[in-house]
Amino acid sequence: MATGEGSLDGIESRELVTAEENEEAFIVQGEVWGFSDADRVPHRLFAVNRMIGGLALGAFFEERMIGFCFAMPGAKPGGRP
């Protein structure tokens, strides 16, 4: 599984692995994009995504999540990417 960590101008990026981080990403979707609860990626899907080989990275400034990216693997019938 791919992982990532880094820092740039006080902004730290790291893989989201805890339930608390997943919940924080759920909240960020509402704060940043104004999404309703029904339109947000549910925090439980972040955990499932990680189990199937996906990746979610959070951007943190002074330990507060300010953004994230979410990549979910997909396959066509027959297992083709």
PDB file of N, CA and C in Angstrom:
ATOM      1  N   MET A   1       0.839  -1.167   0.000  1.00  0.00           N
ATOM      2  CA  MET A   1       0.000   0.000   0.000  1.00  0.00           C
ATOM      3  C   MET A   1       0.887   1.234   0.000  1.00  0.00           C
ATOM      4  N   ALA A   2       0.514   2.204  -0.803  1.00  0.00           N
ATOM      5  CA  ALA A   2       1.273   3.445  -0.863  1.00  0.00           C
ATOM      6  C   ALA A   2       0.976   4.288   0.363  1.00  0.00           C
ATOM      7  N   THR A   3       1.994   4.961   0.826  1.00  0.00           N
ATOM      8  CA  THR A   3       1.801   5.905   1.931  1.00  0.00           C
ATOM      9  C   THR A   3       2.546   7.176   1.592  1.00  0.00           C
ATOM     10  N   GLY A   4       2.218   8.231   2.277  1.00  0.00           N
ATOM     11  CA  GLY A   4       2.909   9.475   2.025  1.00  0.00           C
ATOM     12  C   GLY A   4       2.977  10.327   3.264  1.00  0.00           C
ATOM     13  N   GLU A   5       4.094  10.972   3.411  1.00  0.00           N
ATOM     14  CA  GLU A   5       4.275  11.952   4.471  1.00  0.00           C
ATOM     15  C   GLU A   5       5.171  13.035   3.932  1.00  0.00           C
ATOM     16  N   GLY A   6       4.941  14.246   4.359  1.00  0.00           N
ATOM     17  CA  GLY A   6       5.802  15.329   3.934  1.00  0.00           C
ATOM     18  C   GLY A   6       5.418  16.606   4.642  1.00  0.00           C
ATOM     19  N   SER A   7       6.206  17.650   4.384  1.00  0.00           N
ATOM     20  CA  SER A   7       5.947  18.933   5.000  1.00  0.00           C
ATOM     21  C   SER A   7       6.400  20.029   4.051  1.00  0.00           C
ATOM     22  N   LEU A   8       5.603  21.088   3.951  1.00  0.00           N
ATOM     23  CA  LEU A   8       5.926  22.224   3.107  1.00  0.00           C
ATOM     24  C   LEU A   8       5.373  23.474   3.770  1.00  0.00           C
ATOM     25  N   ASP A   9       6.238  24.413   4.096  1.00  0.00           N
ATOM     26  CA  ASP A   9       5.817  25.683   4.691  1.00  0.00           C
ATOM     27  C   ASP A   9       4.846  25.510   5.859  1.00  0.00           C
ATOM     28  N   GLY A  10       5.131  24.544   6.733  1.00  0.00           N
ATOM     29  CA  GLY A  10       4.302  24.344   7.904  1.00  0.00           C
ATOM     30  C   GLY A  10       3.070  23.496   7.669  1.00  0.00           C
ATOM     31  N   ILE A  11       2.838  23.083   6.414  1.00  0.00           N
ATOM     32  CA  ILE A  11       1.707  22.209   6.117  1.00  0.00           C
ATOM     33  C   ILE A  11       2.245  20.786   6.014  1.00  0.00           C
ATOM     34  N   GLU A  12       1.723  19.916   6.841  1.00  0.00           N
ATOM     35  CA  GLU A  12       2.147  18.519   6.882  1.00  0.00           C
ATOM     36  C   GLU A  12       1.121  17.665   6.151  1.00  0.00           C
ATOM     37  N   SER A  13       1.601  16.715   5.353  1.00  0.00           N
ATOM     38  CA  SER A  13       0.687  15.748   4.728  1.00  0.00           C
ATOM     39  C   SER A  13       0.993  14.376   5.299  1.00  0.00           C
ATOM     40  N   ARG A  14      -0.087  13.615   5.539  1.00  0.00           N
ATOM     41  CA  ARG A  14       0.092  12.262   6.048  1.00  0.00           C
ATOM     42  C   ARG A  14      -1.145  11.432   5.732  1.00  0.00           C
ATOM     43  N   GLU A  15      -0.948  10.119   5.707  1.00  0.00           N
ATOM     44  CA  GLU A  15      -2.047   9.215   5.435  1.00  0.00           C
ATOM     45  C   GLU A  15      -3.058   9.266   6.577  1.00  0.00           C
ATOM     46  N   LEU A  16      -4.329   9.235   6.226  1.00  0.00           N
ATOM     47  CA  LEU A  16      -5.397   9.204   7.228  1.00  0.00           C
ATOM     48  C   LEU A  16      -5.631   7.754   7.619  1.00  0.00           C
ATOM     49  N   VAL A  17      -5.406   7.436   8.893  1.00  0.00           N
ATOM     50  CA  VAL A  17      -5.502   6.038   9.330  1.00  0.00           C
ATOM     51  C   VAL A  17      -6.405   5.834  10.548  1.00  0.00           C
ATOM     52  N   THR A  18      -6.734   6.889  11.261  1.00  0.00           N
ATOM     53  CA  THR A  18      -7.544   6.712  12.467  1.00  0.00           C
ATOM     54  C   THR A  18      -9.001   7.099  12.199  1.00  0.00           C
ATOM     55  N   ALA A  19      -9.890   6.590  13.025  1.00  0.00           N
ATOM     56  CA  ALA A  19     -11.305   6.949  12.925  1.00  0.00           C
ATOM     57  C   ALA A  19     -11.493   8.450  13.127  1.00  0.00           C
ATOM     58  N   GLU A  20     -10.694   9.035  14.003  1.00  0.00           N
ATOM     59  CA  GLU A  20     -10.790  10.466  14.270  1.00  0.00           C
ATOM     60  C   GLU A  20     -10.406  11.285  13.037  1.00  0.00           C
ATOM     61  N   GLU A  21      -9.353  10.854  12.336  1.00  0.00           N
ATOM     62  CA  GLU A  21      -8.946  11.553  11.115  1.00  0.00           C
ATOM     63  C   GLU A  21     -10.005  11.410  10.024  1.00  0.00           C
ATOM     64  N   ASN A  22     -10.606  10.233   9.909  1.00  0.00           N
ATOM     65  CA  ASN A  22     -11.666  10.023   8.919  1.00  0.00           C
ATOM     66  C   ASN A  22     -12.868  10.922   9.218  1.00  0.00           C
ATOM     67  N   GLU A  23     -13.217  11.038  10.480  1.00  0.00           N
ATOM     68  CA  GLU A  23     -14.320  11.906  10.878  1.00  0.00           C
ATOM     69  C   GLU A  23     -13.985  13.364  10.582  1.00  0.00           C
ATOM     70  N   GLU A  24     -12.731  13.727  10.820  1.00  0.00           N
ATOM     71  CA  GLU A  24     -12.303  15.099  10.545  1.00  0.00           C
ATOM     72  C   GLU A  24     -12.413  15.408   9.050  1.00  0.00           C
ATOM     73  N   ALA A  25     -12.053  14.444   8.193  1.00  0.00           N
ATOM     74  CA  ALA A  25     -12.184  14.634   6.749  1.00  0.00           C
ATOM     75  C   ALA A  25     -13.656  14.802   6.360  1.00  0.00           C
ATOM     76  N   PHE A  26     -14.531  14.073   7.024  1.00  0.00           N
ATOM     77  CA  PHE A  26     -15.975  14.209   6.791  1.00  0.00           C
ATOM     78  C   PHE A  26     -16.419  15.637   7.113  1.00  0.00           C
ATOM     79  N   ILE A  27     -15.939  16.169   8.215  1.00  0.00           N
ATOM     80  CA  ILE A  27     -16.300  17.525   8.637  1.00  0.00           C
ATOM     81  C   ILE A  27     -15.747  18.563   7.672  1.00  0.00           C
ATOM     82  N   VAL A  28     -14.506  18.370   7.230  1.00  0.00           N
ATOM     83  CA  VAL A  28     -13.872  19.315   6.301  1.00  0.00           C
ATOM     84  C   VAL A  28     -14.702  19.463   5.023  1.00  0.00           C
ATOM     85  N   GLN A  29     -15.292  18.382   4.543  1.00  0.00           N
ATOM     86  CA  GLN A  29     -16.103  18.450   3.324  1.00  0.00           C
ATOM     87  C   GLN A  29     -17.259  19.439   3.472  1.00  0.00           C
ATOM     88  N   GLY A  30     -17.843  19.475   4.658  1.00  0.00           N
ATOM     89  CA  GLY A  30     -18.927  20.422   4.905  1.00  0.00           C
ATOM     90  C   GLY A  30     -18.416  21.842   5.061  1.00  0.00           C
ATOM     91  N   GLU A  31     -17.307  21.994   5.783  1.00  0.00           N
ATOM     92  CA  GLU A  31     -16.758  23.326   6.044  1.00  0.00           C
ATOM     93  C   GLU A  31     -16.212  23.976   4.784  1.00  0.00           C
ATOM     94  N   VAL A  32     -15.484  23.210   3.975  1.00  0.00           N
ATOM     95  CA  VAL A  32     -14.806  23.773   2.813  1.00  0.00           C
ATOM     96  C   VAL A  32     -15.737  23.891   1.606  1.00  0.00           C
ATOM     97  N   TRP A  33     -16.477  22.820   1.315  1.00  0.00           N
ATOM     98  CA  TRP A  33     -17.294  22.800   0.100  1.00  0.00           C
ATOM     99  C   TRP A  33     -18.777  23.018   0.364  1.00  0.00           C
ATOM    100  N   GLY A  34     -19.176  23.065   1.621  1.00  0.00           N
ATOM    101  CA  GLY A  34     -20.575  23.270   1.936  1.00  0.00           C
ATOM    102  C   GLY A  34     -21.460  22.075   1.626  1.00  0.00           C
ATOM    103  N   PHE A  35     -20.853  20.882   1.534  1.00  0.00           N
ATOM    104  CA  PHE A  35     -21.627  19.681   1.231  1.00  0.00           C
ATOM    105  C   PHE A  35     -22.545  19.325   2.396  1.00  0.00           C
ATOM    106  N   SER A  36     -23.731  18.821   2.057  1.00  0.00           N
ATOM    107  CA  SER A  36     -24.616  18.278   3.084  1.00  0.00           C
ATOM    108  C   SER A  36     -24.062  16.929   3.525  1.00  0.00           C
ATOM    109  N   ASP A  37     -24.567  16.407   4.623  1.00  0.00           N
ATOM    110  CA  ASP A  37     -24.113  15.092   5.098  1.00  0.00           C
ATOM    111  C   ASP A  37     -24.285  14.026   4.026  1.00  0.00           C
ATOM    112  N   ALA A  38     -25.381  14.091   3.282  1.00  0.00           N
ATOM    113  CA  ALA A  38     -25.666  13.079   2.249  1.00  0.00           C
ATOM    114  C   ALA A  38     -24.697  13.149   1.073  1.00  0.00           C
ATOM    115  N   ASP A  39     -24.079  14.314   0.838  1.00  0.00           N
ATOM    116  CA  ASP A  39     -23.171  14.483  -0.296  1.00  0.00           C
ATOM    117  C   ASP A  39     -21.705  14.238   0.040  1.00  0.00           C
ATOM    118  N   ARG A  40     -21.399  14.024   1.297  1.00  0.00           N
ATOM    119  CA  ARG A  40     -20.011  13.833   1.722  1.00  0.00           C
ATOM    120  C   ARG A  40     -19.609  12.363   1.645  1.00  0.00           C
ATOM    121  N   VAL A  41     -18.310  12.121   1.434  1.00  0.00           N
ATOM    122  CA  VAL A  41     -17.781  10.764   1.546  1.00  0.00           C
ATOM    123  C   VAL A  41     -17.877  10.397   3.020  1.00  0.00           C
ATOM    124  N   PRO A  42     -18.621   9.338   3.366  1.00  0.00           N
ATOM    125  CA  PRO A  42     -18.777   8.976   4.782  1.00  0.00           C
ATOM    126  C   PRO A  42     -17.458   8.539   5.409  1.00  0.00           C
ATOM    127  N   HIS A  43     -17.294   8.838   6.675  1.00  0.00           N
ATOM    128  CA  HIS A  43     -16.039   8.486   7.346  1.00  0.00           C
ATOM    129  C   HIS A  43     -15.798   6.983   7.314  1.00  0.00           C
ATOM    130  N   ARG A  44     -16.846   6.173   7.315  1.00  0.00           N
ATOM    131  CA  ARG A  44     -16.663   4.706   7.247  1.00  0.00           C
ATOM    132  C   ARG A  44     -16.059   4.273   5.918  1.00  0.00           C
ATOM    133  N   LEU A  45     -16.390   5.012   4.834  1.00  0.00           N
ATOM    134  CA  LEU A  45     -15.843   4.661   3.523  1.00  0.00           C
ATOM    135  C   LEU A  45     -14.339   4.905   3.471  1.00  0.00           C
ATOM    136  N   PHE A  46     -13.838   5.869   4.236  1.00  0.00           N
ATOM    137  CA  PHE A  46     -12.396   6.075   4.306  1.00  0.00           C
ATOM    138  C   PHE A  46     -11.706   4.807   4.810  1.00  0.00           C
ATOM    139  N   ALA A  47     -12.285   4.164   5.832  1.00  0.00           N
ATOM    140  CA  ALA A  47     -11.702   2.939   6.396  1.00  0.00           C
ATOM    141  C   ALA A  47     -11.774   1.792   5.395  1.00  0.00           C
ATOM    142  N   VAL A  48     -12.908   1.618   4.744  1.00  0.00           N
ATOM    143  CA  VAL A  48     -13.062   0.558   3.742  1.00  0.00           C
ATOM    144  C   VAL A  48     -12.091   0.796   2.590  1.00  0.00           C
ATOM    145  N   ASN A  49     -11.994   2.030   2.155  1.00  0.00           N
ATOM    146  CA  ASN A  49     -11.093   2.381   1.053  1.00  0.00           C
ATOM    147  C   ASN A  49      -9.658   1.948   1.353  1.00  0.00           C
ATOM    148  N   ARG A  50      -9.228   2.191   2.567  1.00  0.00           N
ATOM    149  CA  ARG A  50      -7.860   1.808   2.956  1.00  0.00           C
ATOM    150  C   ARG A  50      -7.689   0.293   2.889  1.00  0.00           C
ATOM    151  N   MET A  51      -8.725  -0.472   3.273  1.00  0.00           N
ATOM    152  CA  MET A  51      -8.649  -1.940   3.256  1.00  0.00           C
ATOM    153  C   MET A  51      -8.569  -2.516   1.850  1.00  0.00           C
ATOM    154  N   ILE A  52      -9.093  -1.794   0.858  1.00  0.00           N
ATOM    155  CA  ILE A  52      -9.095  -2.311  -0.510  1.00  0.00           C
ATOM    156  C   ILE A  52      -7.984  -1.710  -1.365  1.00  0.00           C
ATOM    157  N   GLY A  53      -7.047  -1.025  -0.723  1.00  0.00           N
ATOM    158  CA  GLY A  53      -5.888  -0.507  -1.443  1.00  0.00           C
ATOM    159  C   GLY A  53      -5.969   0.951  -1.832  1.00  0.00           C
ATOM    160  N   GLY A  54      -6.982   1.661  -1.356  1.00  0.00           N
ATOM    161  CA  GLY A  54      -7.100   3.085  -1.636  1.00  0.00           C
ATOM    162  C   GLY A  54      -6.201   3.904  -0.729  1.00  0.00           C
ATOM    163  N   LEU A  55      -6.212   5.189  -0.959  1.00  0.00           N
ATOM    164  CA  LEU A  55      -5.345   6.082  -0.195  1.00  0.00           C
ATOM    165  C   LEU A  55      -6.081   7.379   0.096  1.00  0.00           C
ATOM    166  N   ALA A  56      -5.979   7.829   1.322  1.00  0.00           N
ATOM    167  CA  ALA A  56      -6.488   9.148   1.715  1.00  0.00           C
ATOM    168  C   ALA A  56      -5.358   9.855   2.458  1.00  0.00           C
ATOM    169  N   LEU A  57      -5.034  11.037   1.991  1.00  0.00           N
ATOM    170  CA  LEU A  57      -4.001  11.855   2.620  1.00  0.00           C
ATOM    171  C   LEU A  57      -4.644  13.121   3.156  1.00  0.00           C
ATOM    172  N   GLY A  58      -4.214  13.525   4.322  1.00  0.00           N
ATOM    173  CA  GLY A  58      -4.697  14.769   4.907  1.00  0.00           C
ATOM    174  C   GLY A  58      -3.616  15.824   4.873  1.00  0.00           C
ATOM    175  N   ALA A  59      -4.029  17.077   4.731  1.00  0.00           N
ATOM    176  CA  ALA A  59      -3.126  18.219   4.832  1.00  0.00           C
ATOM    177  C   ALA A  59      -3.425  18.891   6.162  1.00  0.00           C
ATOM    178  N   PHE A  60      -2.395  19.057   6.986  1.00  0.00           N
ATOM    179  CA  PHE A  60      -2.568  19.587   8.339  1.00  0.00           C
ATOM    180  C   PHE A  60      -1.696  20.821   8.530  1.00  0.00           C
ATOM    181  N   PHE A  61      -2.285  21.828   9.155  1.00  0.00           N
ATOM    182  CA  PHE A  61      -1.542  23.011   9.561  1.00  0.00           C
ATOM    183  C   PHE A  61      -1.754  23.166  11.052  1.00  0.00           C
ATOM    184  N   GLU A  62      -0.669  23.128  11.796  1.00  0.00           N
ATOM    185  CA  GLU A  62      -0.724  23.192  13.265  1.00  0.00           C
ATOM    186  C   GLU A  62      -1.720  22.167  13.811  1.00  0.00           C
ATOM    187  N   GLU A  63      -1.631  20.937  13.296  1.00  0.00           N
ATOM    188  CA  GLU A  63      -2.442  19.787  13.712  1.00  0.00           C
ATOM    189  C   GLU A  63      -3.930  19.900  13.363  1.00  0.00           C
ATOM    190  N   ARG A  64      -4.324  20.910  12.605  1.00  0.00           N
ATOM    191  CA  ARG A  64      -5.716  21.038  12.161  1.00  0.00           C
ATOM    192  C   ARG A  64      -5.781  20.648  10.691  1.00  0.00           C
ATOM    193  N   MET A  65      -6.702  19.739  10.330  1.00  0.00           N
ATOM    194  CA  MET A  65      -6.844  19.340   8.942  1.00  0.00           C
ATOM    195  C   MET A  65      -7.422  20.502   8.138  1.00  0.00           C
ATOM    196  N   ILE A  66      -6.720  20.857   7.059  1.00  0.00           N
ATOM    197  CA  ILE A  66      -7.181  21.950   6.208  1.00  0.00           C
ATOM    198  C   ILE A  66      -7.580  21.454   4.819  1.00  0.00           C
ATOM    199  N   GLY A  67      -7.340  20.187   4.552  1.00  0.00           N
ATOM    200  CA  GLY A  67      -7.719  19.602   3.272  1.00  0.00           C
ATOM    201  C   GLY A  67      -7.335  18.136   3.236  1.00  0.00           C
ATOM    202  N   PHE A  68      -7.793  17.445   2.203  1.00  0.00           N
ATOM    203  CA  PHE A  68      -7.430  16.041   2.051  1.00  0.00           C
ATOM    204  C   PHE A  68      -7.616  15.630   0.596  1.00  0.00           C
ATOM    205  N   CYS A  69      -7.015  14.508   0.233  1.00  0.00           N
ATOM    206  CA  CYS A  69      -7.277  13.895  -1.072  1.00  0.00           C
ATOM    207  C   CYS A  69      -7.662  12.442  -0.828  1.00  0.00           C
ATOM    208  N   PHE A  70      -8.460  11.916  -1.732  1.00  0.00           N
ATOM    209  CA  PHE A  70      -9.055  10.589  -1.557  1.00  0.00           C
ATOM    210  C   PHE A  70      -8.975   9.872  -2.894  1.00  0.00           C
ATOM    211  N   ALA A  71      -8.308   8.727  -2.917  1.00  0.00           N
ATOM    212  CA  ALA A  71      -8.174   7.939  -4.147  1.00  0.00           C
ATOM    213  C   ALA A  71      -8.659   6.522  -3.882  1.00  0.00           C
ATOM    214  N   MET A  72      -9.647   6.097  -4.672  1.00  0.00           N
ATOM    215  CA  MET A  72     -10.225   4.765  -4.522  1.00  0.00           C
ATOM    216  C   MET A  72      -9.898   3.947  -5.770  1.00  0.00           C
ATOM    217  N   PRO A  73      -9.366   2.731  -5.589  1.00  0.00           N
ATOM    218  CA  PRO A  73      -9.046   1.914  -6.757  1.00  0.00           C
ATOM    219  C   PRO A  73     -10.321   1.408  -7.428  1.00  0.00           C
ATOM    220  N   GLY A  74     -10.227   1.184  -8.710  1.00  0.00           N
ATOM    221  CA  GLY A  74     -11.370   0.657  -9.438  1.00  0.00           C
ATOM    222  C   GLY A  74     -10.899  -0.373 -10.450  1.00  0.00           C
ATOM    223  N   ALA A  75     -11.772  -1.282 -10.793  1.00  0.00           N
ATOM    224  CA  ALA A  75     -11.455  -2.304 -11.778  1.00  0.00           C
ATOM    225  C   ALA A  75     -12.677  -2.576 -12.631  1.00  0.00           C
ATOM    226  N   LYS A  76     -12.437  -2.828 -13.907  1.00  0.00           N
ATOM    227  CA  LYS A  76     -13.500  -3.200 -14.835  1.00  0.00           C
ATOM    228  C   LYS A  76     -13.773  -4.691 -14.700  1.00  0.00           C
ATOM    229  N   PRO A  77     -14.866  -5.172 -15.267  1.00  0.00           N
ATOM    230  CA  PRO A  77     -15.134  -6.613 -15.217  1.00  0.00           C
ATOM    231  C   PRO A  77     -13.910  -7.403 -15.703  1.00  0.00           C
ATOM    232  N   GLY A  78     -13.594  -8.465 -15.027  1.00  0.00           N
ATOM    233  CA  GLY A  78     -12.410  -9.260 -15.375  1.00  0.00           C
ATOM    234  C   GLY A  78     -11.162  -8.780 -14.656  1.00  0.00           C
ATOM    235  N   GLY A  79     -11.305  -7.771 -13.787  1.00  0.00           N
ATOM    236  CA  GLY A  79     -10.170  -7.315 -12.996  1.00  0.00           C
ATOM    237  C   GLY A  79      -9.264  -6.326 -13.688  1.00  0.00           C
ATOM    238  N   ARG A  80      -9.648  -5.841 -14.869  1.00  0.00           N
ATOM    239  CA  ARG A  80      -8.793  -4.877 -15.578  1.00  0.00           C
ATOM    240  C   ARG A  80      -8.928  -3.480 -14.962  1.00  0.00           C
ATOM    241  N   PRO A  81      -7.808  -2.758 -14.851  1.00  0.00           N
ATOM    242  CA  PRO A  81      -7.876  -1.383 -14.326  1.00  0.00           C
ATOM    243  C   PRO A  81      -8.549  -0.437 -15.303  1.00  0.00           C
TER     244      PRO A  81
END
